[in-house]
Amino acid sequence: MLKKIKDKLYFLKSWYQILFRYPQNTLNPRGLIYDDYWKEKRGDAVGALSDWQKIRADLIIRSLGKGNETSIGDIGCGGGATLAYLGKNIRLVQSTGYDVSDFALDKVKSLGFEAIKMDVSADGELEKVKKTDHLLLLEVLEHLPHSEKVLATAYEKSRRGIFFSFPNSGFFIYRLRLLFGKFPMQWRVYPNEHLRFWTVADLKWWLRAQGYTEYDIFFYKGIPLLNRLWPSLFAAGLFVCLTKR
């Protein structure tokens, strides 16, 4: 009971900060460095599974079937926590983590996974991605100016499909922040972390506009129950399973 109260207080505090404050009061002119990003975001906990990551990983496991065999490439893998959790619940015959941060990739290697340094936003870098059954783009596409190109390449390189996720920019906290005169805030270290934004309606239009028809959308986090009844307003995260038939 005490833990539940602490969790609720933590989320209320987080929402208050997202609504009224900024993550940093000073900005380094050198811009965003992803080693700094991961150190600030996870620090010593890099490689440990967060609650958000667990929900997304459980959605993947539910889609693939617990104990089934597959190969997975995780683009923007961070410290490899998602791969480690998936490996305990499904049979990974091949697993590779891709990230631009050496700090994060060192943790991926320590967990026993293949780690490949790759800047997904740079031209030609996606050629490093190996052909696998499934590719993950979890909380990655919002960081990229040409998300459509990356999504199409990942779809082409996957045999069975891809899983991707990003924040719901229509979440009520972001709408309220606009009401109070501040742009919706989805960054931790530097304001240019997120370059693209989607609401539920945007996501559905965006998939159709690119010709994708075989997909399932899941809504998670935010306000329990209401995130199912009215996800466009009360779900904090959007998760998509894009399959190949």
C-alpha atoms as a PDB file:
ATOM      1  CA  MET A   1       0.000   0.000   0.000  1.00  0.00           C
ATOM      2  CA  LEU A   2       2.832   2.379   0.921  1.00  0.00           C
ATOM      3  CA  LYS A   3       4.590   1.637  -2.371  1.00  0.00           C
ATOM      4  CA  LYS A   4       1.446   2.473  -4.357  1.00  0.00           C
ATOM      5  CA  ILE A   5       1.139   5.804  -2.530  1.00  0.00           C
ATOM      6  CA  LYS A   6       4.804   6.599  -3.209  1.00  0.00           C
ATOM      7  CA  ASP A   7       4.371   5.685  -6.880  1.00  0.00           C
ATOM      8  CA  LYS A   8       1.344   7.965  -7.211  1.00  0.00           C
ATOM      9  CA  LEU A   9       3.167  10.827  -5.517  1.00  0.00           C
ATOM     10  CA  TYR A  10       6.136  10.295  -7.839  1.00  0.00           C
ATOM     11  CA  PHE A  11       3.954  10.486 -10.947  1.00  0.00           C
ATOM     12  CA  LEU A  12       2.125  13.565  -9.645  1.00  0.00           C
ATOM     13  CA  LYS A  13       5.494  15.224  -9.054  1.00  0.00           C
ATOM     14  CA  SER A  14       6.656  14.213 -12.545  1.00  0.00           C
ATOM     15  CA  TRP A  15       3.508  15.578 -14.142  1.00  0.00           C
ATOM     16  CA  TYR A  16       3.863  18.837 -12.192  1.00  0.00           C
ATOM     17  CA  GLN A  17       7.406  19.218 -13.517  1.00  0.00           C
ATOM     18  CA  ILE A  18       6.316  18.438 -17.083  1.00  0.00           C
ATOM     19  CA  LEU A  19       3.472  20.939 -16.774  1.00  0.00           C
ATOM     20  CA  PHE A  20       5.273  23.901 -15.233  1.00  0.00           C
ATOM     21  CA  ARG A  21       9.056  23.463 -15.239  1.00  0.00           C
ATOM     22  CA  TYR A  22      12.065  22.787 -17.508  1.00  0.00           C
ATOM     23  CA  PRO A  23      14.471  19.852 -17.042  1.00  0.00           C
ATOM     24  CA  GLN A  24      17.534  22.142 -17.223  1.00  0.00           C
ATOM     25  CA  ASN A  25      18.065  25.776 -16.336  1.00  0.00           C
ATOM     26  CA  THR A  26      21.295  26.090 -18.327  1.00  0.00           C
ATOM     27  CA  LEU A  27      22.116  24.755 -21.781  1.00  0.00           C
ATOM     28  CA  ASN A  28      25.534  23.779 -23.096  1.00  0.00           C
ATOM     29  CA  PRO A  29      26.121  25.391 -26.534  1.00  0.00           C
ATOM     30  CA  ARG A  30      27.794  22.215 -27.813  1.00  0.00           C
ATOM     31  CA  GLY A  31      24.332  20.657 -28.123  1.00  0.00           C
ATOM     32  CA  LEU A  32      23.100  17.151 -27.421  1.00  0.00           C
ATOM     33  CA  ILE A  33      25.706  14.467 -26.726  1.00  0.00           C
ATOM     34  CA  TYR A  34      24.112  11.028 -26.391  1.00  0.00           C
ATOM     35  CA  ASP A  35      26.622   9.795 -23.833  1.00  0.00           C
ATOM     36  CA  ASP A  36      25.476  12.706 -21.660  1.00  0.00           C
ATOM     37  CA  TYR A  37      21.869  11.891 -22.524  1.00  0.00           C
ATOM     38  CA  TRP A  38      22.106   8.319 -21.223  1.00  0.00           C
ATOM     39  CA  LYS A  39      24.122   9.320 -18.167  1.00  0.00           C
ATOM     40  CA  GLU A  40      21.531  11.943 -17.274  1.00  0.00           C
ATOM     41  CA  LYS A  41      18.524   9.787 -18.096  1.00  0.00           C
ATOM     42  CA  ARG A  42      19.608   6.506 -16.485  1.00  0.00           C
ATOM     43  CA  GLY A  43      23.056   7.000 -14.924  1.00  0.00           C
ATOM     44  CA  ASP A  44      24.125   3.945 -12.929  1.00  0.00           C
ATOM     45  CA  ALA A  45      20.765   2.362 -13.789  1.00  0.00           C
ATOM     46  CA  VAL A  46      21.595   2.130 -17.498  1.00  0.00           C
ATOM     47  CA  GLY A  47      20.931  -1.462 -18.499  1.00  0.00           C
ATOM     48  CA  ALA A  48      18.246  -1.829 -15.824  1.00  0.00           C
ATOM     49  CA  LEU A  49      14.657  -2.196 -17.030  1.00  0.00           C
ATOM     50  CA  SER A  50      12.392   0.779 -16.352  1.00  0.00           C
ATOM     51  CA  ASP A  51       8.653   0.444 -15.839  1.00  0.00           C
ATOM     52  CA  TRP A  52       8.006   1.972 -19.273  1.00  0.00           C
ATOM     53  CA  GLN A  53      10.447  -0.423 -20.927  1.00  0.00           C
ATOM     54  CA  LYS A  54       8.854  -3.408 -19.203  1.00  0.00           C
ATOM     55  CA  ILE A  55       5.396  -2.521 -20.501  1.00  0.00           C
ATOM     56  CA  ARG A  56       6.706  -2.218 -24.044  1.00  0.00           C
ATOM     57  CA  ALA A  57       8.690  -5.454 -23.757  1.00  0.00           C
ATOM     58  CA  ASP A  58       5.616  -7.276 -22.411  1.00  0.00           C
ATOM     59  CA  LEU A  59       3.632  -6.083 -25.435  1.00  0.00           C
ATOM     60  CA  ILE A  60       6.321  -7.544 -27.692  1.00  0.00           C
ATOM     61  CA  ILE A  61       6.278 -10.848 -25.792  1.00  0.00           C
ATOM     62  CA  ARG A  62       2.485 -10.979 -25.991  1.00  0.00           C
ATOM     63  CA  SER A  63       2.645 -10.434 -29.752  1.00  0.00           C
ATOM     64  CA  LEU A  64       5.400 -12.997 -30.387  1.00  0.00           C
ATOM     65  CA  GLY A  65       4.267 -15.596 -27.872  1.00  0.00           C
ATOM     66  CA  LYS A  66       6.222 -16.413 -24.742  1.00  0.00           C
ATOM     67  CA  GLY A  67       8.936 -18.989 -25.308  1.00  0.00           C
ATOM     68  CA  ASN A  68       8.850 -18.765 -29.096  1.00  0.00           C
ATOM     69  CA  GLU A  69      12.027 -18.426 -31.159  1.00  0.00           C
ATOM     70  CA  THR A  70      12.986 -15.272 -33.039  1.00  0.00           C
ATOM     71  CA  SER A  71      15.837 -12.938 -33.926  1.00  0.00           C
ATOM     72  CA  ILE A  72      15.712  -9.285 -32.872  1.00  0.00           C
ATOM     73  CA  GLY A  73      17.637  -6.116 -33.600  1.00  0.00           C
ATOM     74  CA  ASP A  74      17.102  -3.192 -31.245  1.00  0.00           C
ATOM     75  CA  ILE A  75      17.801   0.168 -32.939  1.00  0.00           C
ATOM     76  CA  GLY A  76      18.495   2.822 -30.317  1.00  0.00           C
ATOM     77  CA  CYS A  77      18.897   0.096 -27.716  1.00  0.00           C
ATOM     78  CA  GLY A  78      20.381   2.225 -24.941  1.00  0.00           C
ATOM     79  CA  GLY A  79      21.840  -0.027 -22.272  1.00  0.00           C
ATOM     80  CA  GLY A  80      20.207  -3.196 -23.612  1.00  0.00           C
ATOM     81  CA  ALA A  81      17.638  -3.617 -20.836  1.00  0.00           C
ATOM     82  CA  THR A  82      14.835  -4.485 -23.262  1.00  0.00           C
ATOM     83  CA  LEU A  83      16.928  -7.140 -25.035  1.00  0.00           C
ATOM     84  CA  ALA A  84      17.898  -8.666 -21.692  1.00  0.00           C
ATOM     85  CA  TYR A  85      14.266  -8.889 -20.576  1.00  0.00           C
ATOM     86  CA  LEU A  86      13.106 -10.303 -23.900  1.00  0.00           C
ATOM     87  CA  GLY A  87      15.868 -12.913 -23.744  1.00  0.00           C
ATOM     88  CA  LYS A  88      14.416 -14.236 -20.501  1.00  0.00           C
ATOM     89  CA  ASN A  89      10.957 -14.702 -21.983  1.00  0.00           C
ATOM     90  CA  ILE A  90      11.483 -15.657 -25.634  1.00  0.00           C
ATOM     91  CA  ARG A  91      14.201 -17.636 -27.407  1.00  0.00           C
ATOM     92  CA  LEU A  92      16.535 -15.153 -29.060  1.00  0.00           C
ATOM     93  CA  VAL A  93      18.560 -16.978 -31.712  1.00  0.00           C
ATOM     94  CA  GLN A  94      20.167 -13.672 -32.673  1.00  0.00           C
ATOM     95  CA  SER A  95      20.116 -10.355 -30.815  1.00  0.00           C
ATOM     96  CA  THR A  96      21.886  -7.139 -31.721  1.00  0.00           C
ATOM     97  CA  GLY A  97      21.815  -3.707 -30.140  1.00  0.00           C
ATOM     98  CA  TYR A  98      22.466  -0.542 -32.171  1.00  0.00           C
ATOM     99  CA  ASP A  99      23.185   2.817 -30.575  1.00  0.00           C
ATOM    100  CA  VAL A 100      25.326   5.913 -31.063  1.00  0.00           C
ATOM    101  CA  SER A 101      26.394   6.079 -27.403  1.00  0.00           C
ATOM    102  CA  ASP A 102      29.588   4.263 -26.379  1.00  0.00           C
ATOM    103  CA  PHE A 103      28.468   4.560 -22.756  1.00  0.00           C
ATOM    104  CA  ALA A 104      25.259   2.657 -23.520  1.00  0.00           C
ATOM    105  CA  LEU A 105      26.920   0.092 -25.818  1.00  0.00           C
ATOM    106  CA  ASP A 106      29.467  -0.839 -23.146  1.00  0.00           C
ATOM    107  CA  LYS A 107      26.536  -1.962 -21.010  1.00  0.00           C
ATOM    108  CA  VAL A 108      24.999  -3.865 -23.925  1.00  0.00           C
ATOM    109  CA  LYS A 109      28.249  -5.793 -24.366  1.00  0.00           C
ATOM    110  CA  SER A 110      28.436  -6.554 -20.645  1.00  0.00           C
ATOM    111  CA  LEU A 111      24.979  -8.148 -20.907  1.00  0.00           C
ATOM    112  CA  GLY A 112      26.286 -10.522 -23.566  1.00  0.00           C
ATOM    113  CA  PHE A 113      24.680  -9.033 -26.673  1.00  0.00           C
ATOM    114  CA  GLU A 114      26.266  -7.975 -29.922  1.00  0.00           C
ATOM    115  CA  ALA A 115      26.648  -4.189 -29.904  1.00  0.00           C
ATOM    116  CA  ILE A 116      27.071  -2.092 -33.043  1.00  0.00           C
ATOM    117  CA  LYS A 117      27.727   1.638 -32.969  1.00  0.00           C
ATOM    118  CA  MET A 118      25.372   3.385 -35.348  1.00  0.00           C
ATOM    119  CA  ASP A 119      24.045   6.895 -35.778  1.00  0.00           C
ATOM    120  CA  VAL A 120      20.592   6.204 -37.149  1.00  0.00           C
ATOM    121  CA  SER A 121      20.212   9.832 -38.226  1.00  0.00           C
ATOM    122  CA  ALA A 122      23.310   9.794 -40.478  1.00  0.00           C
ATOM    123  CA  ASP A 123      23.216   8.886 -44.174  1.00  0.00           C
ATOM    124  CA  GLY A 124      24.207   5.299 -44.933  1.00  0.00           C
ATOM    125  CA  GLU A 125      24.325   4.182 -41.306  1.00  0.00           C
ATOM    126  CA  LEU A 126      21.205   2.028 -41.622  1.00  0.00           C
ATOM    127  CA  GLU A 127      23.194  -0.284 -43.882  1.00  0.00           C
ATOM    128  CA  LYS A 128      24.751  -1.631 -40.674  1.00  0.00           C
ATOM    129  CA  VAL A 129      21.408  -3.096 -39.592  1.00  0.00           C
ATOM    130  CA  LYS A 130      21.344  -6.854 -40.073  1.00  0.00           C
ATOM    131  CA  LYS A 131      18.398  -8.748 -41.518  1.00  0.00           C
ATOM    132  CA  THR A 132      16.418 -10.172 -38.594  1.00  0.00           C
ATOM    133  CA  ASP A 133      12.922 -11.441 -37.880  1.00  0.00           C
ATOM    134  CA  HIS A 134      11.954  -8.343 -35.925  1.00  0.00           C
ATOM    135  CA  LEU A 135      13.410  -4.876 -35.452  1.00  0.00           C
ATOM    136  CA  LEU A 136      12.674  -2.547 -32.558  1.00  0.00           C
ATOM    137  CA  LEU A 137      12.447   1.247 -32.751  1.00  0.00           C
ATOM    138  CA  LEU A 138      11.353   2.013 -29.210  1.00  0.00           C
ATOM    139  CA  GLU A 139      11.350   5.736 -28.395  1.00  0.00           C
ATOM    140  CA  VAL A 140      13.591   6.399 -31.399  1.00  0.00           C
ATOM    141  CA  LEU A 141      11.552   7.842 -34.284  1.00  0.00           C
ATOM    142  CA  GLU A 142      10.685  11.028 -32.411  1.00  0.00           C
ATOM    143  CA  HIS A 143      14.413  11.863 -32.293  1.00  0.00           C
ATOM    144  CA  LEU A 144      14.793  11.815 -36.089  1.00  0.00           C
ATOM    145  CA  PRO A 145      13.927  14.357 -38.788  1.00  0.00           C
ATOM    146  CA  HIS A 146      13.248  11.663 -41.431  1.00  0.00           C
ATOM    147  CA  SER A 147      11.308   9.104 -39.384  1.00  0.00           C
ATOM    148  CA  GLU A 148       9.507   7.786 -42.464  1.00  0.00           C
ATOM    149  CA  LYS A 149      12.768   6.787 -44.154  1.00  0.00           C
ATOM    150  CA  VAL A 150      14.036   4.989 -41.043  1.00  0.00           C
ATOM    151  CA  LEU A 151      10.716   3.211 -40.557  1.00  0.00           C
ATOM    152  CA  ALA A 152      10.656   2.069 -44.201  1.00  0.00           C
ATOM    153  CA  THR A 153      14.236   0.774 -44.020  1.00  0.00           C
ATOM    154  CA  ALA A 154      13.575  -1.097 -40.791  1.00  0.00           C
ATOM    155  CA  TYR A 155      10.424  -2.596 -42.286  1.00  0.00           C
ATOM    156  CA  GLU A 156      12.382  -3.741 -45.342  1.00  0.00           C
ATOM    157  CA  LYS A 157      15.163  -5.288 -43.249  1.00  0.00           C
ATOM    158  CA  SER A 158      12.785  -7.198 -40.973  1.00  0.00           C
ATOM    159  CA  ARG A 159      11.435 -10.578 -42.025  1.00  0.00           C
ATOM    160  CA  ARG A 160       8.295 -10.554 -39.884  1.00  0.00           C
ATOM    161  CA  GLY A 161       7.775  -6.962 -38.809  1.00  0.00           C
ATOM    162  CA  ILE A 162       8.780  -4.172 -36.486  1.00  0.00           C
ATOM    163  CA  PHE A 163       7.747  -2.766 -33.141  1.00  0.00           C
ATOM    164  CA  PHE A 164       7.994   0.950 -32.473  1.00  0.00           C
ATOM    165  CA  SER A 165       6.819   3.456 -29.907  1.00  0.00           C
ATOM    166  CA  PHE A 166       6.848   7.144 -29.074  1.00  0.00           C
ATOM    167  CA  PRO A 167       5.098   9.546 -26.684  1.00  0.00           C
ATOM    168  CA  ASN A 168       1.529  10.651 -27.241  1.00  0.00           C
ATOM    169  CA  SER A 169       1.842  14.397 -27.792  1.00  0.00           C
ATOM    170  CA  GLY A 170      -1.904  14.692 -27.272  1.00  0.00           C
ATOM    171  CA  PHE A 171      -1.560  13.568 -23.636  1.00  0.00           C
ATOM    172  CA  PHE A 172      -3.513  15.929 -21.401  1.00  0.00           C
ATOM    173  CA  ILE A 173      -0.406  17.193 -19.585  1.00  0.00           C
ATOM    174  CA  TYR A 174       1.057  18.484 -22.852  1.00  0.00           C
ATOM    175  CA  ARG A 175      -2.242  20.119 -23.775  1.00  0.00           C
ATOM    176  CA  LEU A 176      -2.385  21.837 -20.391  1.00  0.00           C
ATOM    177  CA  ARG A 177       1.210  23.028 -20.750  1.00  0.00           C
ATOM    178  CA  LEU A 178       0.232  24.779 -23.965  1.00  0.00           C
ATOM    179  CA  LEU A 179      -2.725  26.300 -22.126  1.00  0.00           C
ATOM    180  CA  PHE A 180      -0.269  27.779 -19.609  1.00  0.00           C
ATOM    181  CA  GLY A 181       1.824  29.258 -22.412  1.00  0.00           C
ATOM    182  CA  LYS A 182       4.653  26.725 -22.676  1.00  0.00           C
ATOM    183  CA  PHE A 183       5.388  24.340 -25.546  1.00  0.00           C
ATOM    184  CA  PRO A 184       4.889  20.627 -24.685  1.00  0.00           C
ATOM    185  CA  MET A 185       8.128  19.376 -23.122  1.00  0.00           C
ATOM    186  CA  GLN A 186       9.502  15.951 -24.039  1.00  0.00           C
ATOM    187  CA  TRP A 187      13.208  16.362 -23.350  1.00  0.00           C
ATOM    188  CA  ARG A 188      15.670  15.605 -20.564  1.00  0.00           C
ATOM    189  CA  VAL A 189      19.078  17.072 -21.430  1.00  0.00           C
ATOM    190  CA  TYR A 190      18.613  19.328 -24.465  1.00  0.00           C
ATOM    191  CA  PRO A 191      15.485  20.810 -26.132  1.00  0.00           C
ATOM    192  CA  ASN A 192      16.226  19.288 -29.551  1.00  0.00           C
ATOM    193  CA  GLU A 193      16.000  15.676 -28.323  1.00  0.00           C
ATOM    194  CA  HIS A 194      12.579  15.229 -29.931  1.00  0.00           C
ATOM    195  CA  LEU A 195      12.108  16.496 -33.462  1.00  0.00           C
ATOM    196  CA  ARG A 196       8.817  14.798 -34.360  1.00  0.00           C
ATOM    197  CA  PHE A 197       5.502  14.630 -32.523  1.00  0.00           C
ATOM    198  CA  TRP A 198       2.370  12.460 -32.866  1.00  0.00           C
ATOM    199  CA  THR A 199      -1.086  12.327 -31.391  1.00  0.00           C
ATOM    200  CA  VAL A 200      -3.312   9.245 -31.757  1.00  0.00           C
ATOM    201  CA  ALA A 201      -5.062  10.786 -34.785  1.00  0.00           C
ATOM    202  CA  ASP A 202      -1.706  11.769 -36.302  1.00  0.00           C
ATOM    203  CA  LEU A 203      -0.356   8.242 -35.868  1.00  0.00           C
ATOM    204  CA  LYS A 204      -3.301   6.609 -37.646  1.00  0.00           C
ATOM    205  CA  TRP A 205      -3.139   9.090 -40.529  1.00  0.00           C
ATOM    206  CA  TRP A 206       0.667   8.755 -40.709  1.00  0.00           C
ATOM    207  CA  LEU A 207       0.559   4.954 -41.059  1.00  0.00           C
ATOM    208  CA  ARG A 208      -2.148   5.063 -43.726  1.00  0.00           C
ATOM    209  CA  ALA A 209      -0.319   7.802 -45.646  1.00  0.00           C
ATOM    210  CA  GLN A 210       2.737   5.552 -45.923  1.00  0.00           C
ATOM    211  CA  GLY A 211       0.698   2.592 -47.109  1.00  0.00           C
ATOM    212  CA  TYR A 212       0.928   0.463 -43.959  1.00  0.00           C
ATOM    213  CA  THR A 213      -2.238  -1.535 -43.360  1.00  0.00           C
ATOM    214  CA  GLU A 214      -1.234  -4.488 -41.147  1.00  0.00           C
ATOM    215  CA  TYR A 215      -0.703  -3.038 -37.690  1.00  0.00           C
ATOM    216  CA  ASP A 216      -2.000  -2.946 -34.141  1.00  0.00           C
ATOM    217  CA  ILE A 217      -1.830   0.120 -31.892  1.00  0.00           C
ATOM    218  CA  PHE A 218      -1.583  -0.181 -28.115  1.00  0.00           C
ATOM    219  CA  PHE A 219      -1.949   2.608 -25.567  1.00  0.00           C
ATOM    220  CA  TYR A 220      -0.117   2.571 -22.259  1.00  0.00           C
ATOM    221  CA  LYS A 221       0.834   4.606 -19.194  1.00  0.00           C
ATOM    222  CA  GLY A 222      -0.947   7.836 -18.333  1.00  0.00           C
ATOM    223  CA  ILE A 223      -4.104   7.553 -16.245  1.00  0.00           C
ATOM    224  CA  PRO A 224      -5.282   3.948 -15.673  1.00  0.00           C
ATOM    225  CA  LEU A 225      -8.660   2.991 -17.149  1.00  0.00           C
ATOM    226  CA  LEU A 226      -9.060   6.414 -18.769  1.00  0.00           C
ATOM    227  CA  ASN A 227      -6.082   5.579 -21.001  1.00  0.00           C
ATOM    228  CA  ARG A 228      -8.232   2.780 -22.445  1.00  0.00           C
ATOM    229  CA  LEU A 229     -11.523   4.657 -22.616  1.00  0.00           C
ATOM    230  CA  TRP A 230     -10.050   7.869 -24.066  1.00  0.00           C
ATOM    231  CA  PRO A 231      -6.477   7.089 -25.136  1.00  0.00           C
ATOM    232  CA  SER A 232      -6.022  10.179 -27.289  1.00  0.00           C
ATOM    233  CA  LEU A 233      -6.185  12.299 -24.128  1.00  0.00           C
ATOM    234  CA  PHE A 234      -5.168  10.043 -21.252  1.00  0.00           C
ATOM    235  CA  ALA A 235      -2.613   7.557 -22.664  1.00  0.00           C
ATOM    236  CA  ALA A 236       0.980   8.781 -22.321  1.00  0.00           C
ATOM    237  CA  GLY A 237       2.561   6.280 -24.714  1.00  0.00           C
ATOM    238  CA  LEU A 238       1.796   4.888 -28.181  1.00  0.00           C
ATOM    239  CA  PHE A 239       3.056   1.443 -29.201  1.00  0.00           C
ATOM    240  CA  VAL A 240       2.722  -0.078 -32.685  1.00  0.00           C
ATOM    241  CA  CYS A 241       3.156  -3.629 -33.913  1.00  0.00           C
ATOM    242  CA  LEU A 242       3.702  -3.413 -37.681  1.00  0.00           C
ATOM    243  CA  THR A 243       3.586  -6.906 -39.144  1.00  0.00           C
ATOM    244  CA  LYS A 244       4.404  -8.529 -42.444  1.00  0.00           C
ATOM    245  CA  ARG A 245       1.854 -11.071 -43.644  1.00  0.00           C
END
